[in-house]
Full PDB file with SEQRES, HELIX, SHEET, SSBOND, CRYST1, ORIGX, SCALE, CONECT and MASTER records, all heavy atoms in Angstrom:
SEQRES   1 A   40  ASN PRO ARG ALA PRO ARG LEU LEU ARG ARG LEU GLU GLU          
SEQRES   2 A   40  ALA ALA ARG ARG ALA ARG ALA LEU GLY ALA ALA VAL GLU          
SEQRES   3 A   40  ALA VAL LEU ALA ALA LEU GLY ALA GLU PRO ARG GLU PRO          
SEQRES   4 A   40  ARG                                                          
HELIX    1 AA1 PRO A    5  LEU A   32  1                                  28    
CRYST1    1.000    1.000    1.000  90.00  90.00  90.00 P 1           1          
ORIGX1      1.000000  0.000000  0.000000        0.00000                         
ORIGX2      0.000000  1.000000  0.000000        0.00000                         
ORIGX3      0.000000  0.000000  1.000000        0.00000                         
SCALE1      1.000000  0.000000  0.000000        0.00000                         
SCALE2      0.000000  1.000000  0.000000        0.00000                         
SCALE3      0.000000  0.000000  1.000000        0.00000                         
ATOM      1  N   ASN A   1     -87.752 -75.002-194.944  1.00  0.00           N  
ATOM      2  CA  ASN A   1     -86.692 -73.982-194.960  1.00  0.00           C  
ATOM      3  C   ASN A   1     -85.321 -74.636-195.125  1.00  0.00           C  
ATOM      4  O   ASN A   1     -84.467 -74.571-194.224  1.00  0.00           O  
ATOM      5  CB  ASN A   1     -86.727 -73.166-193.653  1.00  0.00           C  
ATOM      6  CG  ASN A   1     -87.903 -72.221-193.587  1.00  0.00           C  
ATOM      7  OD1 ASN A   1     -88.044 -71.330-194.406  1.00  0.00           O  
ATOM      8  ND2 ASN A   1     -88.762 -72.432-192.596  1.00  0.00           N  
ATOM      9  N   PRO A   2     -85.084 -75.254-196.283  1.00  0.00           N  
ATOM     10  CA  PRO A   2     -83.808 -75.952-196.461  1.00  0.00           C  
ATOM     11  C   PRO A   2     -82.604 -75.001-196.483  1.00  0.00           C  
ATOM     12  O   PRO A   2     -81.470 -75.446-196.299  1.00  0.00           O  
ATOM     13  CB  PRO A   2     -83.970 -76.657-197.808  1.00  0.00           C  
ATOM     14  CG  PRO A   2     -85.021 -75.858-198.533  1.00  0.00           C  
ATOM     15  CD  PRO A   2     -85.951 -75.362-197.467  1.00  0.00           C  
ATOM     16  N   ARG A   3     -82.862 -73.709-196.691  1.00  0.00           N  
ATOM     17  CA  ARG A   3     -81.761 -72.736-196.744  1.00  0.00           C  
ATOM     18  C   ARG A   3     -81.605 -72.003-195.411  1.00  0.00           C  
ATOM     19  O   ARG A   3     -81.109 -70.868-195.384  1.00  0.00           O  
ATOM     20  CB  ARG A   3     -81.998 -71.732-197.872  1.00  0.00           C  
ATOM     21  CG  ARG A   3     -81.999 -72.375-199.253  1.00  0.00           C  
ATOM     22  CD  ARG A   3     -82.150 -71.351-200.351  1.00  0.00           C  
ATOM     23  NE  ARG A   3     -82.152 -71.983-201.673  1.00  0.00           N  
ATOM     24  CZ  ARG A   3     -82.270 -71.315-202.825  1.00  0.00           C  
ATOM     25  NH1 ARG A   3     -82.409 -69.984-202.801  1.00  0.00           N  
ATOM     26  NH2 ARG A   3     -82.271 -71.956-203.970  1.00  0.00           N  
ATOM     27  N   ALA A   4     -82.013 -72.624-194.359  1.00  0.00           N  
ATOM     28  CA  ALA A   4     -81.848 -72.045-193.013  1.00  0.00           C  
ATOM     29  C   ALA A   4     -81.017 -72.995-192.162  1.00  0.00           C  
ATOM     30  O   ALA A   4     -81.520 -73.588-191.194  1.00  0.00           O  
ATOM     31  CB  ALA A   4     -83.204 -71.787-192.371  1.00  0.00           C  
ATOM     32  N   PRO A   5     -79.712 -73.163-192.503  1.00  0.00           N  
ATOM     33  CA  PRO A   5     -78.902 -74.161-191.785  1.00  0.00           C  
ATOM     34  C   PRO A   5     -78.729 -73.855-190.302  1.00  0.00           C  
ATOM     35  O   PRO A   5     -78.637 -74.773-189.480  1.00  0.00           O  
ATOM     36  CB  PRO A   5     -77.552 -74.118-192.521  1.00  0.00           C  
ATOM     37  CG  PRO A   5     -77.519 -72.765-193.165  1.00  0.00           C  
ATOM     38  CD  PRO A   5     -78.932 -72.452-193.531  1.00  0.00           C  
ATOM     39  N   ARG A   6     -78.699 -72.565-189.932  1.00  0.00           N  
ATOM     40  CA  ARG A   6     -78.521 -72.250-188.514  1.00  0.00           C  
ATOM     41  C   ARG A   6     -79.737 -72.664-187.706  1.00  0.00           C  
ATOM     42  O   ARG A   6     -79.605 -73.177-186.585  1.00  0.00           O  
ATOM     43  CB  ARG A   6     -78.242 -70.757-188.324  1.00  0.00           C  
ATOM     44  CG  ARG A   6     -77.831 -70.404-186.891  1.00  0.00           C  
ATOM     45  CD  ARG A   6     -77.314 -68.989-186.771  1.00  0.00           C  
ATOM     46  NE  ARG A   6     -78.353 -68.004-187.100  1.00  0.00           N  
ATOM     47  CZ  ARG A   6     -78.165 -66.689-187.029  1.00  0.00           C  
ATOM     48  NH1 ARG A   6     -76.965 -66.216-186.678  1.00  0.00           N  
ATOM     49  NH2 ARG A   6     -79.142 -65.854-187.321  1.00  0.00           N  
ATOM     50  N   LEU A   7     -80.938 -72.462-188.254  1.00  0.00           N  
ATOM     51  CA  LEU A   7     -82.148 -72.903-187.570  1.00  0.00           C  
ATOM     52  C   LEU A   7     -82.141 -74.416-187.405  1.00  0.00           C  
ATOM     53  O   LEU A   7     -82.454 -74.935-186.320  1.00  0.00           O  
ATOM     54  CB  LEU A   7     -83.382 -72.466-188.349  1.00  0.00           C  
ATOM     55  CG  LEU A   7     -84.726 -73.019-187.847  1.00  0.00           C  
ATOM     56  CD1 LEU A   7     -85.002 -72.580-186.419  1.00  0.00           C  
ATOM     57  CD2 LEU A   7     -85.868 -72.597-188.784  1.00  0.00           C  
ATOM     58  N   LEU A   8     -81.788 -75.136-188.459  1.00  0.00           N  
ATOM     59  CA  LEU A   8     -81.758 -76.599-188.389  1.00  0.00           C  
ATOM     60  C   LEU A   8     -80.723 -77.067-187.375  1.00  0.00           C  
ATOM     61  O   LEU A   8     -80.962 -78.027-186.621  1.00  0.00           O  
ATOM     62  CB  LEU A   8     -81.460 -77.181-189.771  1.00  0.00           C  
ATOM     63  CG  LEU A   8     -82.465 -76.836-190.877  1.00  0.00           C  
ATOM     64  CD1 LEU A   8     -82.017 -77.453-192.209  1.00  0.00           C  
ATOM     65  CD2 LEU A   8     -83.865 -77.301-190.517  1.00  0.00           C  
ATOM     66  N   ARG A   9     -79.585 -76.387-187.348  1.00  0.00           N  
ATOM     67  CA  ARG A   9     -78.551 -76.771-186.384  1.00  0.00           C  
ATOM     68  C   ARG A   9     -79.009 -76.500-184.959  1.00  0.00           C  
ATOM     69  O   ARG A   9     -78.766 -77.315-184.059  1.00  0.00           O  
ATOM     70  CB  ARG A   9     -77.262 -75.995-186.693  1.00  0.00           C  
ATOM     71  CG  ARG A   9     -76.084 -76.395-185.785  1.00  0.00           C  
ATOM     72  CD  ARG A   9     -74.799 -75.697-186.174  1.00  0.00           C  
ATOM     73  NE  ARG A   9     -74.862 -74.247-185.967  1.00  0.00           N  
ATOM     74  CZ  ARG A   9     -74.957 -73.353-186.936  1.00  0.00           C  
ATOM     75  NH1 ARG A   9     -75.001 -73.739-188.199  1.00  0.00           N  
ATOM     76  NH2 ARG A   9     -74.999 -72.061-186.650  1.00  0.00           N  
ATOM     77  N   ARG A  10     -79.694 -75.389-184.742  1.00  0.00           N  
ATOM     78  CA  ARG A  10     -80.167 -75.065-183.395  1.00  0.00           C  
ATOM     79  C   ARG A  10     -81.245 -76.045-182.940  1.00  0.00           C  
ATOM     80  O   ARG A  10     -81.322 -76.382-181.748  1.00  0.00           O  
ATOM     81  CB  ARG A  10     -80.691 -73.632-183.352  1.00  0.00           C  
ATOM     82  CG  ARG A  10     -79.579 -72.599-183.264  1.00  0.00           C  
ATOM     83  CD  ARG A  10     -80.093 -71.187-183.107  1.00  0.00           C  
ATOM     84  NE  ARG A  10     -78.991 -70.289-182.754  1.00  0.00           N  
ATOM     85  CZ  ARG A  10     -79.079 -68.971-182.751  1.00  0.00           C  
ATOM     86  NH1 ARG A  10     -80.219 -68.379-183.078  1.00  0.00           N  
ATOM     87  NH2 ARG A  10     -78.044 -68.223-182.416  1.00  0.00           N  
ATOM     88  N   LEU A  11     -82.090 -76.486-183.841  1.00  0.00           N  
ATOM     89  CA  LEU A  11     -83.089 -77.493-183.481  1.00  0.00           C  
ATOM     90  C   LEU A  11     -82.420 -78.803-183.081  1.00  0.00           C  
ATOM     91  O   LEU A  11     -82.827 -79.451-182.109  1.00  0.00           O  
ATOM     92  CB  LEU A  11     -84.055 -77.711-184.640  1.00  0.00           C  
ATOM     93  CG  LEU A  11     -85.091 -76.597-184.853  1.00  0.00           C  
ATOM     94  CD1 LEU A  11     -85.733 -76.732-186.230  1.00  0.00           C  
ATOM     95  CD2 LEU A  11     -86.160 -76.631-183.768  1.00  0.00           C  
ATOM     96  N   GLU A  12     -81.394 -79.174-183.819  1.00  0.00           N  
ATOM     97  CA  GLU A  12     -80.663 -80.406-183.491  1.00  0.00           C  
ATOM     98  C   GLU A  12     -79.963 -80.272-182.141  1.00  0.00           C  
ATOM     99  O   GLU A  12     -80.000 -81.195-181.308  1.00  0.00           O  
ATOM    100  CB  GLU A  12     -79.645 -80.700-184.590  1.00  0.00           C  
ATOM    101  CG  GLU A  12     -78.870 -81.989-184.387  1.00  0.00           C  
ATOM    102  CD  GLU A  12     -77.912 -82.278-185.529  1.00  0.00           C  
ATOM    103  OE1 GLU A  12     -77.746 -81.416-186.408  1.00  0.00           O  
ATOM    104  OE2 GLU A  12     -77.320 -83.386-185.547  1.00  0.00           O  
ATOM    105  N   GLU A  13     -79.328 -79.122-181.906  1.00  0.00           N  
ATOM    106  CA  GLU A  13     -78.645 -78.903-180.632  1.00  0.00           C  
ATOM    107  C   GLU A  13     -79.635 -78.855-179.468  1.00  0.00           C  
ATOM    108  O   GLU A  13     -79.339 -79.332-178.370  1.00  0.00           O  
ATOM    109  CB  GLU A  13     -77.854 -77.591-180.701  1.00  0.00           C  
ATOM    110  CG  GLU A  13     -76.644 -77.659-181.628  1.00  0.00           C  
ATOM    111  CD  GLU A  13     -76.009 -76.291-181.845  1.00  0.00           C  
ATOM    112  OE1 GLU A  13     -76.645 -75.276-181.483  1.00  0.00           O  
ATOM    113  OE2 GLU A  13     -74.896 -76.243-182.388  1.00  0.00           O  
ATOM    114  N   ALA A  14     -80.824 -78.285-179.716  1.00  0.00           N  
ATOM    115  CA  ALA A  14     -81.832 -78.205-178.653  1.00  0.00           C  
ATOM    116  C   ALA A  14     -82.256 -79.591-178.206  1.00  0.00           C  
ATOM    117  O   ALA A  14     -82.434 -79.837-177.000  1.00  0.00           O  
ATOM    118  CB  ALA A  14     -83.042 -77.407-179.141  1.00  0.00           C  
ATOM    119  N   ALA A  15     -82.423 -80.516-179.145  1.00  0.00           N  
ATOM    120  CA  ALA A  15     -82.797 -81.879-178.780  1.00  0.00           C  
ATOM    121  C   ALA A  15     -81.710 -82.520-177.923  1.00  0.00           C  
ATOM    122  O   ALA A  15     -81.997 -83.170-176.910  1.00  0.00           O  
ATOM    123  CB  ALA A  15     -83.042 -82.704-180.047  1.00  0.00           C  
ATOM    124  N   ARG A  16     -80.463 -82.323-178.316  1.00  0.00           N  
ATOM    125  CA  ARG A  16     -79.357 -82.908-177.550  1.00  0.00           C  
ATOM    126  C   ARG A  16     -79.244 -82.277-176.165  1.00  0.00           C  
ATOM    127  O   ARG A  16     -79.013 -82.972-175.164  1.00  0.00           O  
ATOM    128  CB  ARG A  16     -78.056 -82.712-178.337  1.00  0.00           C  
ATOM    129  CG  ARG A  16     -76.852 -83.392-177.706  1.00  0.00           C  
ATOM    130  CD  ARG A  16     -75.633 -83.355-178.613  1.00  0.00           C  
ATOM    131  NE  ARG A  16     -75.160 -81.995-178.836  1.00  0.00           N  
ATOM    132  CZ  ARG A  16     -75.257 -81.345-179.981  1.00  0.00           C  
ATOM    133  NH1 ARG A  16     -75.837 -81.916-181.019  1.00  0.00           N  
ATOM    134  NH2 ARG A  16     -74.784 -80.115-180.106  1.00  0.00           N  
ATOM    135  N   ARG A  17     -79.448 -80.979-176.087  1.00  0.00           N  
ATOM    136  CA  ARG A  17     -79.335 -80.297-174.796  1.00  0.00           C  
ATOM    137  C   ARG A  17     -80.492 -80.656-173.860  1.00  0.00           C  
ATOM    138  O   ARG A  17     -80.302 -80.752-172.644  1.00  0.00           O  
ATOM    139  CB  ARG A  17     -79.276 -78.787-175.031  1.00  0.00           C  
ATOM    140  CG  ARG A  17     -77.949 -78.332-175.616  1.00  0.00           C  
ATOM    141  CD  ARG A  17     -78.028 -76.927-176.167  1.00  0.00           C  
ATOM    142  NE  ARG A  17     -76.728 -76.476-176.642  1.00  0.00           N  
ATOM    143  CZ  ARG A  17     -76.543 -75.470-177.495  1.00  0.00           C  
ATOM    144  NH1 ARG A  17     -77.604 -74.803-177.958  1.00  0.00           N  
ATOM    145  NH2 ARG A  17     -75.335 -75.126-177.890  1.00  0.00           N  
ATOM    146  N   ALA A  18     -81.671 -80.840-174.428  1.00  0.00           N  
ATOM    147  CA  ALA A  18     -82.803 -81.250-173.590  1.00  0.00           C  
ATOM    148  C   ALA A  18     -82.534 -82.615-172.965  1.00  0.00           C  
ATOM    149  O   ALA A  18     -82.861 -82.848-171.790  1.00  0.00           O  
ATOM    150  CB  ALA A  18     -84.093 -81.280-174.413  1.00  0.00           C  
ATOM    151  N   ARG A  19     -81.944 -83.514-173.737  1.00  0.00           N  
ATOM    152  CA  ARG A  19     -81.589 -84.842-173.191  1.00  0.00           C  
ATOM    153  C   ARG A  19     -80.582 -84.696-172.063  1.00  0.00           C  
ATOM    154  O   ARG A  19     -80.686 -85.358-171.017  1.00  0.00           O  
ATOM    155  CB  ARG A  19     -81.018 -85.738-174.289  1.00  0.00           C  
ATOM    156  CG  ARG A  19     -82.021 -86.235-175.307  1.00  0.00           C  
ATOM    157  CD  ARG A  19     -81.410 -87.282-176.232  1.00  0.00           C  
ATOM    158  NE  ARG A  19     -82.340 -87.683-177.266  1.00  0.00           N  
ATOM    159  CZ  ARG A  19     -82.385 -87.153-178.486  1.00  0.00           C  
ATOM    160  NH1 ARG A  19     -81.512 -86.204-178.821  1.00  0.00           N  
ATOM    161  NH2 ARG A  19     -83.279 -87.564-179.368  1.00  0.00           N  
ATOM    162  N   ALA A  20     -79.564 -83.845-172.271  1.00  0.00           N  
ATOM    163  CA  ALA A  20     -78.520 -83.674-171.260  1.00  0.00           C  
ATOM    164  C   ALA A  20     -79.090 -83.075-169.981  1.00  0.00           C  
ATOM    165  O   ALA A  20     -78.778 -83.535-168.871  1.00  0.00           O  
ATOM    166  CB  ALA A  20     -77.404 -82.785-171.811  1.00  0.00           C  
ATOM    167  N   LEU A  21     -79.939 -82.064-170.113  1.00  0.00           N  
ATOM    168  CA  LEU A  21     -80.525 -81.453-168.926  1.00  0.00           C  
ATOM    169  C   LEU A  21     -81.462 -82.425-168.223  1.00  0.00           C  
ATOM    170  O   LEU A  21     -81.476 -82.510-166.987  1.00  0.00           O  
ATOM    171  CB  LEU A  21     -81.274 -80.173-169.305  1.00  0.00           C  
ATOM    172  CG  LEU A  21     -81.943 -79.416-168.145  1.00  0.00           C  
ATOM    173  CD1 LEU A  21     -80.917 -79.033-167.073  1.00  0.00           C  
ATOM    174  CD2 LEU A  21     -82.667 -78.177-168.656  1.00  0.00           C  
ATOM    175  N   GLY A  22     -82.253 -83.173-168.985  1.00  0.00           N  
ATOM    176  CA  GLY A  22     -83.137 -84.162-168.381  1.00  0.00           C  
ATOM    177  C   GLY A  22     -82.371 -85.206-167.593  1.00  0.00           C  
ATOM    178  O   GLY A  22     -82.768 -85.587-166.485  1.00  0.00           O  
ATOM    179  N   ALA A  23     -81.244 -85.679-168.157  1.00  0.00           N  
ATOM    180  CA  ALA A  23     -80.428 -86.667-167.455  1.00  0.00           C  
ATOM    181  C   ALA A  23     -79.831 -86.075-166.183  1.00  0.00           C  
ATOM    182  O   ALA A  23     -79.747 -86.746-165.142  1.00  0.00           O  
ATOM    183  CB  ALA A  23     -79.310 -87.165-168.373  1.00  0.00           C  
ATOM    184  N   ALA A  24     -79.427 -84.804-166.232  1.00  0.00           N  
ATOM    185  CA  ALA A  24     -78.857 -84.162-165.049  1.00  0.00           C  
ATOM    186  C   ALA A  24     -79.916 -83.994-163.951  1.00  0.00           C  
ATOM    187  O   ALA A  24     -79.625 -84.178-162.767  1.00  0.00           O  
ATOM    188  CB  ALA A  24     -78.262 -82.804-165.431  1.00  0.00           C  
ATOM    189  N   VAL A  25     -81.140 -83.652-164.338  1.00  0.00           N  
ATOM    190  CA  VAL A  25     -82.219 -83.524-163.353  1.00  0.00           C  
ATOM    191  C   VAL A  25     -82.527 -84.882-162.725  1.00  0.00           C  
ATOM    192  O   VAL A  25     -82.760 -84.992-161.520  1.00  0.00           O  
ATOM    193  CB  VAL A  25     -83.481 -82.919-163.999  1.00  0.00           C  
ATOM    194  CG1 VAL A  25     -84.675 -82.976-163.040  1.00  0.00           C  
ATOM    195  CG2 VAL A  25     -83.226 -81.480-164.421  1.00  0.00           C  
ATOM    196  N   GLU A  26     -82.528 -85.931-163.543  1.00  0.00           N  
ATOM    197  CA  GLU A  26     -82.742 -87.284-163.013  1.00  0.00           C  
ATOM    198  C   GLU A  26     -81.662 -87.631-161.990  1.00  0.00           C  
ATOM    199  O   GLU A  26     -81.943 -88.269-160.965  1.00  0.00           O  
ATOM    200  CB  GLU A  26     -82.716 -88.298-164.169  1.00  0.00           C  
ATOM    201  CG  GLU A  26     -83.851 -88.166-165.167  1.00  0.00           C  
ATOM    202  CD  GLU A  26     -85.087 -88.937-164.757  1.00  0.00           C  
ATOM    203  OE1 GLU A  26     -85.168 -89.349-163.589  1.00  0.00           O  
ATOM    204  OE2 GLU A  26     -85.973 -89.108-165.611  1.00  0.00           O  
ATOM    205  N   ALA A  27     -80.422 -87.212-162.260  1.00  0.00           N  
ATOM    206  CA  ALA A  27     -79.331 -87.502-161.328  1.00  0.00           C  
ATOM    207  C   ALA A  27     -79.529 -86.758-160.008  1.00  0.00           C  
ATOM    208  O   ALA A  27     -79.246 -87.291-158.933  1.00  0.00           O  
ATOM    209  CB  ALA A  27     -77.988 -87.115-161.963  1.00  0.00           C  
ATOM    210  N   VAL A  28     -80.013 -85.518-160.077  1.00  0.00           N  
ATOM    211  CA  VAL A  28     -80.305 -84.774-158.850  1.00  0.00           C  
ATOM    212  C   VAL A  28     -81.408 -85.462-158.059  1.00  0.00           C  
ATOM    213  O   VAL A  28     -81.326 -85.606-156.832  1.00  0.00           O  
ATOM    214  CB  VAL A  28     -80.697 -83.321-159.183  1.00  0.00           C  
ATOM    215  CG1 VAL A  28     -81.249 -82.610-157.947  1.00  0.00           C  
ATOM    216  CG2 VAL A  28     -79.496 -82.551-159.725  1.00  0.00           C  
ATOM    217  N   LEU A  29     -82.449 -85.908-158.757  1.00  0.00           N  
ATOM    218  CA  LEU A  29     -83.544 -86.614-158.078  1.00  0.00           C  
ATOM    219  C   LEU A  29     -83.033 -87.868-157.378  1.00  0.00           C  
ATOM    220  O   LEU A  29     -83.408 -88.161-156.238  1.00  0.00           O  
ATOM    221  CB  LEU A  29     -84.625 -86.988-159.095  1.00  0.00           C  
ATOM    222  CG  LEU A  29     -85.578 -85.867-159.515  1.00  0.00           C  
ATOM    223  CD1 LEU A  29     -86.410 -86.306-160.724  1.00  0.00           C  
ATOM    224  CD2 LEU A  29     -86.497 -85.476-158.367  1.00  0.00           C  
ATOM    225  N   ALA A  30     -82.176 -88.610-158.069  1.00  0.00           N  
ATOM    226  CA  ALA A  30     -81.629 -89.822-157.463  1.00  0.00           C  
ATOM    227  C   ALA A  30     -80.781 -89.476-156.241  1.00  0.00           C  
ATOM    228  O   ALA A  30     -80.815 -90.175-155.226  1.00  0.00           O  
ATOM    229  CB  ALA A  30     -80.797 -90.592-158.493  1.00  0.00           C  
ATOM    230  N   ALA A  31     -80.022 -88.389-156.317  1.00  0.00           N  
ATOM    231  CA  ALA A  31     -79.186 -87.982-155.193  1.00  0.00           C  
ATOM    232  C   ALA A  31     -80.025 -87.587-153.988  1.00  0.00           C  
ATOM    233  O   ALA A  31     -79.615 -87.768-152.836  1.00  0.00           O  
ATOM    234  CB  ALA A  31     -78.281 -86.820-155.612  1.00  0.00           C  
ATOM    235  N   LEU A  32     -81.205 -87.037-154.238  1.00  0.00           N  
ATOM    236  CA  LEU A  32     -82.107 -86.657-153.153  1.00  0.00           C  
ATOM    237  C   LEU A  32     -82.881 -87.851-152.604  1.00  0.00           C  
ATOM    238  O   LEU A  32     -83.583 -87.725-151.605  1.00  0.00           O  
ATOM    239  CB  LEU A  32     -83.097 -85.595-153.640  1.00  0.00           C  
ATOM    240  CG  LEU A  32     -82.505 -84.242-154.035  1.00  0.00           C  
ATOM    241  CD1 LEU A  32     -83.573 -83.364-154.659  1.00  0.00           C  
ATOM    242  CD2 LEU A  32     -81.885 -83.558-152.832  1.00  0.00           C  
ATOM    243  N   GLY A  33     -82.780 -89.010-153.278  1.00  0.00           N  
ATOM    244  CA  GLY A  33     -83.535 -90.180-152.846  1.00  0.00           C  
ATOM    245  C   GLY A  33     -84.982 -90.142-153.260  1.00  0.00           C  
ATOM    246  O   GLY A  33     -85.806 -90.888-152.718  1.00  0.00           O  
ATOM    247  N   ALA A  34     -85.331 -89.270-154.214  1.00  0.00           N  
ATOM    248  CA  ALA A  34     -86.716 -89.157-154.669  1.00  0.00           C  
ATOM    249  C   ALA A  34     -87.061 -90.297-155.611  1.00  0.00           C  
ATOM    250  O   ALA A  34     -86.186 -90.892-156.247  1.00  0.00           O  
ATOM    251  CB  ALA A  34     -86.930 -87.815-155.370  1.00  0.00           C  
ATOM    252  N   GLU A  35     -88.352 -90.588-155.713  1.00  0.00           N  
ATOM    253  CA  GLU A  35     -88.808 -91.604-156.644  1.00  0.00           C  
ATOM    254  C   GLU A  35     -88.539 -91.152-158.073  1.00  0.00           C  
ATOM    255  O   GLU A  35     -88.722 -89.976-158.398  1.00  0.00           O  
ATOM    256  CB  GLU A  35     -90.306 -91.856-156.467  1.00  0.00           C  
ATOM    257  CG  GLU A  35     -90.673 -92.504-155.147  1.00  0.00           C  
ATOM    258  CD  GLU A  35     -90.125 -93.922-155.037  1.00  0.00           C  
ATOM    259  OE1 GLU A  35     -90.096 -94.623-156.069  1.00  0.00           O  
ATOM    260  OE2 GLU A  35     -89.719 -94.316-153.942  1.00  0.00           O  
ATOM    261  N   PRO A  36     -88.107 -92.059-158.955  1.00  0.00           N  
ATOM    262  CA  PRO A  36     -87.883 -91.662-160.352  1.00  0.00           C  
ATOM    263  C   PRO A  36     -89.200 -91.328-161.034  1.00  0.00           C  
ATOM    264  O   PRO A  36     -90.274 -91.755-160.605  1.00  0.00           O  
ATOM    265  CB  PRO A  36     -87.231 -92.907-160.967  1.00  0.00           C  
ATOM    266  CG  PRO A  36     -87.704 -94.042-160.115  1.00  0.00           C  
ATOM    267  CD  PRO A  36     -87.834 -93.482-158.720  1.00  0.00           C  
ATOM    268  N   ARG A  37     -89.104 -90.553-162.101  1.00  0.00           N  
ATOM    269  CA  ARG A  37     -90.306 -90.183-162.845  1.00  0.00           C  
ATOM    270  C   ARG A  37     -90.885 -91.412-163.532  1.00  0.00           C  
ATOM    271  O   ARG A  37     -90.176 -92.361-163.866  1.00  0.00           O  
ATOM    272  CB  ARG A  37     -89.984 -89.118-163.894  1.00  0.00           C  
ATOM    273  CG  ARG A  37     -89.068 -89.630-165.007  1.00  0.00           C  
ATOM    274  CD  ARG A  37     -88.836 -88.594-166.094  1.00  0.00           C  
ATOM    275  NE  ARG A  37     -87.933 -89.107-167.107  1.00  0.00           N  
ATOM    276  CZ  ARG A  37     -88.311 -89.836-168.141  1.00  0.00           C  
ATOM    277  NH1 ARG A  37     -89.591 -90.133-168.304  1.00  0.00           N  
ATOM    278  NH2 ARG A  37     -87.429 -90.283-169.026  1.00  0.00           N  
ATOM    279  N   GLU A  38     -92.175 -91.377-163.766  1.00  0.00           N  
ATOM    280  CA  GLU A  38     -92.821 -92.455-164.502  1.00  0.00           C  
ATOM    281  C   GLU A  38     -92.619 -92.238-165.996  1.00  0.00           C  
ATOM    282  O   GLU A  38     -92.752 -91.112-166.486  1.00  0.00           O  
ATOM    283  CB  GLU A  38     -94.316 -92.493-164.183  1.00  0.00           C  
ATOM    284  CG  GLU A  38     -94.626 -92.832-162.740  1.00  0.00           C  
ATOM    285  CD  GLU A  38     -96.115 -92.904-162.483  1.00  0.00           C  
ATOM    286  OE1 GLU A  38     -96.885 -92.711-163.461  1.00  0.00           O  
ATOM    287  OE2 GLU A  38     -96.513 -93.156-161.333  1.00  0.00           O  
ATOM    288  N   PRO A  39     -92.281 -93.292-166.741  1.00  0.00           N  
ATOM    289  CA  PRO A  39     -92.107 -93.126-168.189  1.00  0.00           C  
ATOM    290  C   PRO A  39     -93.416 -92.737-168.849  1.00  0.00           C  
ATOM    291  O   PRO A  39     -94.494 -93.148-168.412  1.00  0.00           O  
ATOM    292  CB  PRO A  39     -91.629 -94.511-168.651  1.00  0.00           C  
ATOM    293  CG  PRO A  39     -92.099 -95.457-167.585  1.00  0.00           C  
ATOM    294  CD  PRO A  39     -92.076 -94.688-166.295  1.00  0.00           C  
ATOM    295  N   ARG A  40     -93.315 -91.936-169.889  1.00  0.00           N  
ATOM    296  CA  ARG A  40     -94.511 -91.519-170.615  1.00  0.00           C  
ATOM    297  C   ARG A  40     -94.314 -91.838-172.091  1.00  0.00           C  
ATOM    298  O   ARG A  40     -93.181 -91.890-172.577  1.00  0.00           O  
ATOM    299  CB  ARG A  40     -94.776 -90.027-170.428  1.00  0.00           C  
ATOM    300  CG  ARG A  40     -93.676 -89.135-170.964  1.00  0.00           C  
ATOM    301  CD  ARG A  40     -94.099 -87.666-170.969  1.00  0.00           C  
ATOM    302  NE  ARG A  40     -94.125 -87.092-169.643  1.00  0.00           N  
ATOM    303  CZ  ARG A  40     -94.487 -85.839-169.407  1.00  0.00           C  
ATOM    304  NH1 ARG A  40     -94.844 -85.049-170.409  1.00  0.00           N  
ATOM    305  NH2 ARG A  40     -94.482 -85.367-168.178  1.00  0.00           N  
TER     306      ARG A  40                                                      
MASTER        0    0    0    1    0    0    0    6  305    1    0    4          
END                                                                             
């Protein structure tokens, strides 16, 4: 779908936002003193 720029932009933004939310959750875990997640 090369003529669907909004879809492509939303997919790109979703990847960036997932990283940001994941990093924020990791920070909450660290603040609680919980063990970090295991890499997969």
